[in-house]
Amino acid sequence: MKLSLTVNGATHEVDVEPETPLLWVLRDTIGLTGTKYGCGIAQCGACTVHIDGQPAKACNVNAAAAVGRKITTIEGLSPDSSHPVQKAWIDLTVPQCGYCQSGQIMAAAALLARTPSPTDSQIDEAMAGNLCRCGTYIQIREAIHAAAKMGA
């Protein structure tokens, strides 16, 4: 079935089953591989994208539910990694293995869009659905505070 998806400001006509997870459409059909597969059950957050500005786990959203909505992936956050969250992640060398980081960055960017100067507890609450097996949670929190100071 042909579906029309708006991803990172561009329209993509995709021929997929309506119940295909958005994650697979982004990665396998459109070719945007920055959004990662982690668990497949919306528990780890590696697949976090923005749908209409809100963080969403792409493994848990079917393609049909994304039609008519604005989808932003890590590739669309900024064309050159100049988004304040991306800059803070780089400046503070947050990633270790890096696998979860695109999801972490997308969740952090959504948090800062709605709460420009979050407290530690607001950060912890907003980021609770994004797991990091390397345990970089302290660095993630510091990077979010740094991005807030940059005006994310």
N, C-alpha and C. Protein backbone atom coordinates (compact mmCIF):
# COMPACT_ATOMS: atom_id res chain seq x y z
N MET A 1 0.85 -1.18 0.00
CA MET A 1 0.00 0.00 0.00
C MET A 1 0.89 1.23 0.00
N LYS A 2 0.56 2.22 -0.79
CA LYS A 2 1.32 3.47 -0.85
C LYS A 2 0.88 4.38 0.29
N LEU A 3 1.86 4.85 1.05
CA LEU A 3 1.62 5.81 2.12
C LEU A 3 2.52 7.02 1.88
N SER A 4 2.04 8.17 2.25
CA SER A 4 2.83 9.39 2.12
C SER A 4 3.26 9.85 3.51
N LEU A 5 4.57 9.91 3.73
CA LEU A 5 5.11 10.32 5.02
C LEU A 5 5.97 11.57 4.86
N THR A 6 5.85 12.48 5.79
CA THR A 6 6.68 13.67 5.80
C THR A 6 7.77 13.46 6.84
N VAL A 7 9.00 13.28 6.34
CA VAL A 7 10.13 12.99 7.21
C VAL A 7 11.21 14.05 6.96
N ASN A 8 11.59 14.73 8.02
CA ASN A 8 12.63 15.76 7.95
C ASN A 8 12.32 16.80 6.87
N GLY A 9 11.04 17.13 6.75
CA GLY A 9 10.60 18.16 5.82
C GLY A 9 10.39 17.70 4.39
N ALA A 10 10.67 16.46 4.08
CA ALA A 10 10.50 15.94 2.73
C ALA A 10 9.38 14.90 2.71
N THR A 11 8.65 14.86 1.62
CA THR A 11 7.58 13.88 1.46
C THR A 11 8.15 12.62 0.82
N HIS A 12 7.82 11.50 1.41
CA HIS A 12 8.27 10.19 0.91
C HIS A 12 7.04 9.33 0.65
N GLU A 13 6.91 8.86 -0.59
CA GLU A 13 5.86 7.90 -0.93
C GLU A 13 6.47 6.52 -0.71
N VAL A 14 5.91 5.77 0.21
CA VAL A 14 6.45 4.45 0.53
C VAL A 14 5.41 3.39 0.28
N ASP A 15 5.86 2.26 -0.23
CA ASP A 15 4.97 1.15 -0.51
C ASP A 15 5.21 0.09 0.56
N VAL A 16 4.46 0.20 1.66
CA VAL A 16 4.62 -0.70 2.80
C VAL A 16 3.23 -1.06 3.34
N GLU A 17 3.18 -2.13 4.09
CA GLU A 17 1.94 -2.49 4.78
C GLU A 17 1.67 -1.42 5.84
N PRO A 18 0.42 -1.03 6.04
CA PRO A 18 0.09 0.03 7.00
C PRO A 18 0.60 -0.23 8.42
N GLU A 19 0.65 -1.51 8.82
CA GLU A 19 1.08 -1.83 10.19
C GLU A 19 2.59 -1.99 10.33
N THR A 20 3.34 -1.75 9.27
CA THR A 20 4.80 -1.82 9.35
C THR A 20 5.28 -0.79 10.36
N PRO A 21 6.14 -1.18 11.31
CA PRO A 21 6.65 -0.20 12.26
C PRO A 21 7.39 0.94 11.54
N LEU A 22 7.13 2.16 12.00
CA LEU A 22 7.78 3.34 11.43
C LEU A 22 9.29 3.18 11.42
N LEU A 23 9.85 2.55 12.42
CA LEU A 23 11.30 2.33 12.49
C LEU A 23 11.81 1.67 11.23
N TRP A 24 11.14 0.61 10.79
CA TRP A 24 11.60 -0.12 9.60
C TRP A 24 11.41 0.68 8.33
N VAL A 25 10.35 1.48 8.29
CA VAL A 25 10.13 2.34 7.13
C VAL A 25 11.25 3.38 7.04
N LEU A 26 11.58 3.99 8.18
CA LEU A 26 12.66 4.99 8.19
C LEU A 26 13.98 4.38 7.77
N ARG A 27 14.33 3.25 8.35
CA ARG A 27 15.64 2.63 8.11
C ARG A 27 15.72 1.90 6.77
N ASP A 28 14.78 1.01 6.52
CA ASP A 28 14.89 0.11 5.38
C ASP A 28 14.29 0.65 4.10
N THR A 29 13.24 1.43 4.20
CA THR A 29 12.58 1.93 3.00
C THR A 29 13.12 3.30 2.59
N ILE A 30 13.23 4.22 3.56
CA ILE A 30 13.70 5.57 3.25
C ILE A 30 15.23 5.66 3.31
N GLY A 31 15.86 4.82 4.13
CA GLY A 31 17.32 4.80 4.21
C GLY A 31 17.93 5.72 5.26
N LEU A 32 17.14 6.13 6.23
CA LEU A 32 17.63 6.96 7.32
C LEU A 32 18.00 6.05 8.49
N THR A 33 19.26 5.72 8.60
CA THR A 33 19.69 4.70 9.57
C THR A 33 20.15 5.27 10.91
N GLY A 34 20.01 6.56 11.12
CA GLY A 34 20.39 7.13 12.41
C GLY A 34 19.48 6.68 13.54
N THR A 35 18.24 6.40 13.24
CA THR A 35 17.30 5.90 14.23
C THR A 35 17.59 4.41 14.39
N LYS A 36 17.89 4.00 15.62
CA LYS A 36 18.38 2.63 15.87
C LYS A 36 17.30 1.70 16.38
N TYR A 37 17.47 0.43 16.06
CA TYR A 37 16.64 -0.63 16.64
C TYR A 37 17.34 -1.07 17.93
N GLY A 38 16.61 -1.06 19.02
CA GLY A 38 17.18 -1.53 20.28
C GLY A 38 16.46 -2.75 20.79
N CYS A 39 15.21 -2.58 21.17
CA CYS A 39 14.48 -3.69 21.79
C CYS A 39 13.26 -4.13 21.00
N GLY A 40 12.67 -3.23 20.24
CA GLY A 40 11.48 -3.56 19.48
C GLY A 40 10.18 -3.54 20.26
N ILE A 41 10.25 -3.18 21.55
CA ILE A 41 9.04 -3.15 22.38
C ILE A 41 8.87 -1.82 23.10
N ALA A 42 9.49 -0.77 22.58
CA ALA A 42 9.34 0.60 23.10
C ALA A 42 9.81 0.77 24.54
N GLN A 43 10.83 0.01 24.93
CA GLN A 43 11.33 0.10 26.29
C GLN A 43 12.70 0.78 26.40
N CYS A 44 13.48 0.80 25.32
CA CYS A 44 14.86 1.30 25.45
C CYS A 44 15.06 2.71 24.92
N GLY A 45 14.25 3.15 23.96
CA GLY A 45 14.36 4.52 23.45
C GLY A 45 15.37 4.74 22.34
N ALA A 46 16.08 3.71 21.91
CA ALA A 46 17.07 3.89 20.84
C ALA A 46 16.42 4.38 19.55
N CYS A 47 15.14 4.12 19.38
CA CYS A 47 14.44 4.48 18.15
C CYS A 47 13.64 5.78 18.28
N THR A 48 13.93 6.59 19.28
CA THR A 48 13.16 7.81 19.50
C THR A 48 13.30 8.79 18.34
N VAL A 49 12.15 9.25 17.86
CA VAL A 49 12.05 10.29 16.84
C VAL A 49 11.05 11.32 17.36
N HIS A 50 10.86 12.38 16.64
CA HIS A 50 9.80 13.33 16.97
C HIS A 50 8.66 13.14 15.98
N ILE A 51 7.46 13.08 16.49
CA ILE A 51 6.27 13.09 15.65
C ILE A 51 5.44 14.28 16.11
N ASP A 52 5.29 15.23 15.20
CA ASP A 52 4.63 16.51 15.53
C ASP A 52 5.27 17.15 16.75
N GLY A 53 6.60 17.06 16.84
CA GLY A 53 7.35 17.70 17.91
C GLY A 53 7.43 16.94 19.21
N GLN A 54 6.74 15.82 19.31
CA GLN A 54 6.75 15.03 20.53
C GLN A 54 7.62 13.79 20.36
N PRO A 55 8.35 13.40 21.41
CA PRO A 55 9.16 12.19 21.27
C PRO A 55 8.26 10.96 21.14
N ALA A 56 8.66 10.06 20.25
CA ALA A 56 7.90 8.83 20.03
C ALA A 56 8.88 7.71 19.73
N LYS A 57 8.55 6.53 20.17
CA LYS A 57 9.37 5.35 19.90
C LYS A 57 8.92 4.77 18.56
N ALA A 58 9.77 4.89 17.55
CA ALA A 58 9.41 4.52 16.18
C ALA A 58 9.13 3.03 16.02
N CYS A 59 9.62 2.20 16.93
CA CYS A 59 9.33 0.77 16.84
C CYS A 59 7.90 0.46 17.22
N ASN A 60 7.24 1.41 17.88
CA ASN A 60 5.91 1.19 18.44
C ASN A 60 4.83 2.01 17.72
N VAL A 61 5.21 2.66 16.61
CA VAL A 61 4.27 3.46 15.83
C VAL A 61 4.18 2.81 14.46
N ASN A 62 2.98 2.48 14.02
CA ASN A 62 2.91 1.90 12.68
C ASN A 62 2.90 3.00 11.63
N ALA A 63 3.30 2.63 10.43
CA ALA A 63 3.46 3.61 9.35
C ALA A 63 2.17 4.37 9.08
N ALA A 64 1.04 3.69 9.09
CA ALA A 64 -0.24 4.34 8.80
C ALA A 64 -0.55 5.44 9.82
N ALA A 65 -0.15 5.24 11.07
CA ALA A 65 -0.41 6.23 12.12
C ALA A 65 0.44 7.48 11.94
N ALA A 66 1.49 7.40 11.14
CA ALA A 66 2.38 8.54 10.92
C ALA A 66 2.00 9.37 9.70
N VAL A 67 1.05 8.89 8.92
CA VAL A 67 0.61 9.64 7.74
C VAL A 67 -0.01 10.97 8.18
N GLY A 68 0.39 12.05 7.50
CA GLY A 68 -0.16 13.37 7.81
C GLY A 68 0.49 14.04 9.00
N ARG A 69 1.53 13.43 9.53
CA ARG A 69 2.21 14.00 10.69
C ARG A 69 3.64 14.35 10.32
N LYS A 70 4.23 15.25 11.05
CA LYS A 70 5.59 15.70 10.79
C LYS A 70 6.56 14.84 11.60
N ILE A 71 7.38 14.07 10.91
CA ILE A 71 8.34 13.17 11.54
C ILE A 71 9.73 13.78 11.43
N THR A 72 10.44 13.81 12.54
CA THR A 72 11.82 14.30 12.52
C THR A 72 12.71 13.21 13.12
N THR A 73 13.75 12.86 12.38
CA THR A 73 14.72 11.88 12.85
C THR A 73 15.99 12.63 13.25
N ILE A 74 16.96 11.90 13.76
CA ILE A 74 18.23 12.51 14.15
C ILE A 74 18.87 13.22 12.95
N GLU A 75 18.69 12.67 11.74
CA GLU A 75 19.25 13.31 10.55
C GLU A 75 18.60 14.67 10.28
N GLY A 76 17.36 14.84 10.72
CA GLY A 76 16.64 16.08 10.47
C GLY A 76 16.73 17.09 11.60
N LEU A 77 17.34 16.71 12.71
CA LEU A 77 17.44 17.65 13.83
C LEU A 77 18.24 18.88 13.42
N SER A 78 19.34 18.68 12.72
CA SER A 78 20.10 19.76 12.09
C SER A 78 20.95 19.13 10.99
N PRO A 79 21.17 19.86 9.91
CA PRO A 79 21.92 19.27 8.80
C PRO A 79 23.41 19.08 9.07
N ASP A 80 23.91 19.78 10.08
CA ASP A 80 25.36 19.76 10.32
C ASP A 80 25.73 19.57 11.79
N SER A 81 24.87 18.93 12.55
CA SER A 81 25.08 18.70 13.99
C SER A 81 25.24 20.00 14.77
N SER A 82 24.57 21.05 14.32
CA SER A 82 24.68 22.34 15.00
C SER A 82 23.58 22.58 16.02
N HIS A 83 22.65 21.66 16.16
CA HIS A 83 21.61 21.80 17.18
C HIS A 83 22.31 21.85 18.53
N PRO A 84 21.87 22.71 19.45
CA PRO A 84 22.54 22.82 20.75
C PRO A 84 22.70 21.49 21.49
N VAL A 85 21.73 20.59 21.38
CA VAL A 85 21.87 19.30 22.05
C VAL A 85 23.01 18.51 21.42
N GLN A 86 23.08 18.49 20.11
CA GLN A 86 24.17 17.78 19.43
C GLN A 86 25.52 18.40 19.78
N LYS A 87 25.58 19.72 19.81
CA LYS A 87 26.83 20.40 20.17
C LYS A 87 27.25 20.05 21.59
N ALA A 88 26.29 20.06 22.52
CA ALA A 88 26.61 19.73 23.92
C ALA A 88 27.08 18.28 24.03
N TRP A 89 26.45 17.38 23.28
CA TRP A 89 26.86 15.97 23.31
C TRP A 89 28.31 15.83 22.86
N ILE A 90 28.67 16.57 21.82
CA ILE A 90 30.03 16.53 21.30
C ILE A 90 30.99 17.20 22.27
N ASP A 91 30.65 18.40 22.74
CA ASP A 91 31.52 19.15 23.65
C ASP A 91 31.83 18.37 24.92
N LEU A 92 30.84 17.66 25.44
CA LEU A 92 31.01 16.93 26.70
C LEU A 92 31.33 15.45 26.49
N THR A 93 31.60 15.07 25.26
CA THR A 93 31.90 13.68 24.88
C THR A 93 31.01 12.68 25.62
N VAL A 94 29.71 12.86 25.43
CA VAL A 94 28.73 12.01 26.11
C VAL A 94 28.81 10.55 25.67
N PRO A 95 28.84 10.25 24.36
CA PRO A 95 28.74 8.85 23.95
C PRO A 95 29.95 8.01 24.35
N GLN A 96 29.67 6.78 24.68
CA GLN A 96 30.73 5.78 24.80
C GLN A 96 30.57 4.86 23.60
N CYS A 97 29.69 3.88 23.66
CA CYS A 97 29.50 3.05 22.47
C CYS A 97 28.70 3.81 21.43
N GLY A 98 27.82 4.71 21.88
CA GLY A 98 27.07 5.57 20.98
C GLY A 98 25.77 5.01 20.45
N TYR A 99 25.49 3.74 20.68
CA TYR A 99 24.33 3.12 20.05
C TYR A 99 23.01 3.82 20.41
N CYS A 100 22.83 4.19 21.64
CA CYS A 100 21.57 4.78 22.08
C CYS A 100 21.51 6.29 21.87
N GLN A 101 22.59 6.88 21.46
CA GLN A 101 22.70 8.33 21.51
C GLN A 101 21.75 9.09 20.60
N SER A 102 21.41 8.58 19.43
CA SER A 102 20.46 9.32 18.60
C SER A 102 19.10 9.40 19.31
N GLY A 103 18.69 8.32 19.94
CA GLY A 103 17.44 8.35 20.70
C GLY A 103 17.53 9.26 21.91
N GLN A 104 18.66 9.24 22.59
CA GLN A 104 18.87 10.13 23.74
C GLN A 104 18.80 11.59 23.30
N ILE A 105 19.47 11.91 22.21
CA ILE A 105 19.50 13.29 21.70
C ILE A 105 18.10 13.74 21.31
N MET A 106 17.35 12.87 20.65
CA MET A 106 15.99 13.25 20.24
C MET A 106 15.09 13.46 21.45
N ALA A 107 15.22 12.63 22.46
CA ALA A 107 14.43 12.81 23.68
C ALA A 107 14.82 14.10 24.39
N ALA A 108 16.12 14.38 24.44
CA ALA A 108 16.59 15.62 25.09
C ALA A 108 16.13 16.85 24.33
N ALA A 109 16.19 16.81 23.00
CA ALA A 109 15.74 17.96 22.20
C ALA A 109 14.26 18.23 22.42
N ALA A 110 13.45 17.17 22.51
CA ALA A 110 12.02 17.33 22.76
C ALA A 110 11.78 17.93 24.15
N LEU A 111 12.54 17.46 25.13
CA LEU A 111 12.42 18.01 26.48
C LEU A 111 12.72 19.51 26.47
N LEU A 112 13.83 19.90 25.86
CA LEU A 112 14.22 21.31 25.86
C LEU A 112 13.28 22.19 25.05
N ALA A 113 12.62 21.62 24.07
CA ALA A 113 11.64 22.39 23.29
C ALA A 113 10.43 22.76 24.15
N ARG A 114 10.08 21.89 25.09
CA ARG A 114 8.91 22.17 25.94
C ARG A 114 9.30 22.73 27.31
N THR A 115 10.53 22.47 27.74
CA THR A 115 11.01 22.95 29.05
C THR A 115 12.42 23.50 28.85
N PRO A 116 12.54 24.78 28.52
CA PRO A 116 13.84 25.33 28.13
C PRO A 116 14.93 25.30 29.20
N SER A 117 14.55 25.24 30.45
CA SER A 117 15.54 25.22 31.53
C SER A 117 15.14 24.18 32.57
N PRO A 118 15.27 22.90 32.24
CA PRO A 118 14.76 21.85 33.12
C PRO A 118 15.62 21.63 34.36
N THR A 119 14.97 21.16 35.40
CA THR A 119 15.66 20.76 36.62
C THR A 119 16.20 19.34 36.43
N ASP A 120 17.04 18.91 37.34
CA ASP A 120 17.53 17.53 37.28
C ASP A 120 16.39 16.53 37.30
N SER A 121 15.40 16.76 38.15
CA SER A 121 14.29 15.80 38.22
C SER A 121 13.46 15.82 36.94
N GLN A 122 13.30 16.97 36.30
CA GLN A 122 12.58 17.00 35.02
C GLN A 122 13.36 16.26 33.94
N ILE A 123 14.67 16.41 33.95
CA ILE A 123 15.52 15.69 33.00
C ILE A 123 15.39 14.19 33.25
N ASP A 124 15.53 13.78 34.50
CA ASP A 124 15.44 12.35 34.82
C ASP A 124 14.10 11.77 34.39
N GLU A 125 13.03 12.50 34.63
CA GLU A 125 11.70 12.02 34.26
C GLU A 125 11.56 11.92 32.74
N ALA A 126 12.00 12.95 32.03
CA ALA A 126 11.87 12.96 30.57
C ALA A 126 12.74 11.91 29.89
N MET A 127 13.87 11.61 30.49
CA MET A 127 14.82 10.69 29.88
C MET A 127 14.68 9.25 30.38
N ALA A 128 13.74 9.02 31.28
CA ALA A 128 13.59 7.70 31.89
C ALA A 128 13.31 6.60 30.88
N GLY A 129 12.69 6.92 29.77
CA GLY A 129 12.37 5.92 28.76
C GLY A 129 13.48 5.66 27.77
N ASN A 130 14.65 6.25 28.01
CA ASN A 130 15.80 6.06 27.13
C ASN A 130 16.93 5.44 27.93
N LEU A 131 17.26 4.20 27.62
CA LEU A 131 18.27 3.47 28.36
C LEU A 131 19.64 3.60 27.69
N CYS A 132 20.67 3.63 28.53
CA CYS A 132 22.06 3.66 28.05
C CYS A 132 22.79 2.54 28.77
N ARG A 133 23.16 1.52 28.03
CA ARG A 133 23.82 0.39 28.68
C ARG A 133 25.24 0.72 29.13
N CYS A 134 25.79 1.82 28.62
CA CYS A 134 27.12 2.26 29.07
C CYS A 134 27.02 3.10 30.35
N GLY A 135 25.82 3.53 30.70
CA GLY A 135 25.62 4.27 31.95
C GLY A 135 26.06 5.72 31.91
N THR A 136 25.88 6.39 30.78
CA THR A 136 26.33 7.78 30.67
C THR A 136 25.28 8.79 31.16
N TYR A 137 24.46 8.40 32.10
CA TYR A 137 23.36 9.24 32.53
C TYR A 137 23.81 10.57 33.13
N ILE A 138 24.89 10.59 33.86
CA ILE A 138 25.38 11.84 34.44
C ILE A 138 25.84 12.78 33.33
N GLN A 139 26.55 12.25 32.34
CA GLN A 139 27.00 13.06 31.22
C GLN A 139 25.81 13.55 30.39
N ILE A 140 24.82 12.71 30.24
CA ILE A 140 23.61 13.11 29.50
C ILE A 140 22.95 14.28 30.20
N ARG A 141 22.80 14.19 31.51
CA ARG A 141 22.18 15.28 32.27
C ARG A 141 23.00 16.57 32.13
N GLU A 142 24.33 16.45 32.23
CA GLU A 142 25.19 17.64 32.08
C GLU A 142 25.05 18.24 30.69
N ALA A 143 24.96 17.40 29.68
CA ALA A 143 24.83 17.89 28.30
C ALA A 143 23.48 18.59 28.09
N ILE A 144 22.44 18.08 28.72
CA ILE A 144 21.14 18.73 28.60
C ILE A 144 21.17 20.10 29.25
N HIS A 145 21.80 20.21 30.41
CA HIS A 145 21.94 21.52 31.05
C HIS A 145 22.77 22.46 30.17
N ALA A 146 23.84 21.95 29.57
CA ALA A 146 24.69 22.77 28.70
C ALA A 146 23.91 23.23 27.46
N ALA A 147 23.13 22.34 26.88
CA ALA A 147 22.32 22.70 25.72
C ALA A 147 21.28 23.76 26.08
N ALA A 148 20.72 23.64 27.29
CA ALA A 148 19.75 24.63 27.74
C ALA A 148 20.39 26.01 27.81
N LYS A 149 21.63 26.05 28.28
CA LYS A 149 22.35 27.33 28.36
C LYS A 149 22.65 27.90 26.98
N MET A 150 22.76 27.01 25.98
CA MET A 150 23.01 27.45 24.59
C MET A 150 21.72 27.90 23.91
N GLY A 151 20.60 27.69 24.57
CA GLY A 151 19.33 28.11 24.02
C GLY A 151 18.65 27.09 23.13
N ALA A 152 18.78 25.84 23.49
CA ALA A 152 18.17 24.76 22.68
C ALA A 152 16.69 24.94 22.51
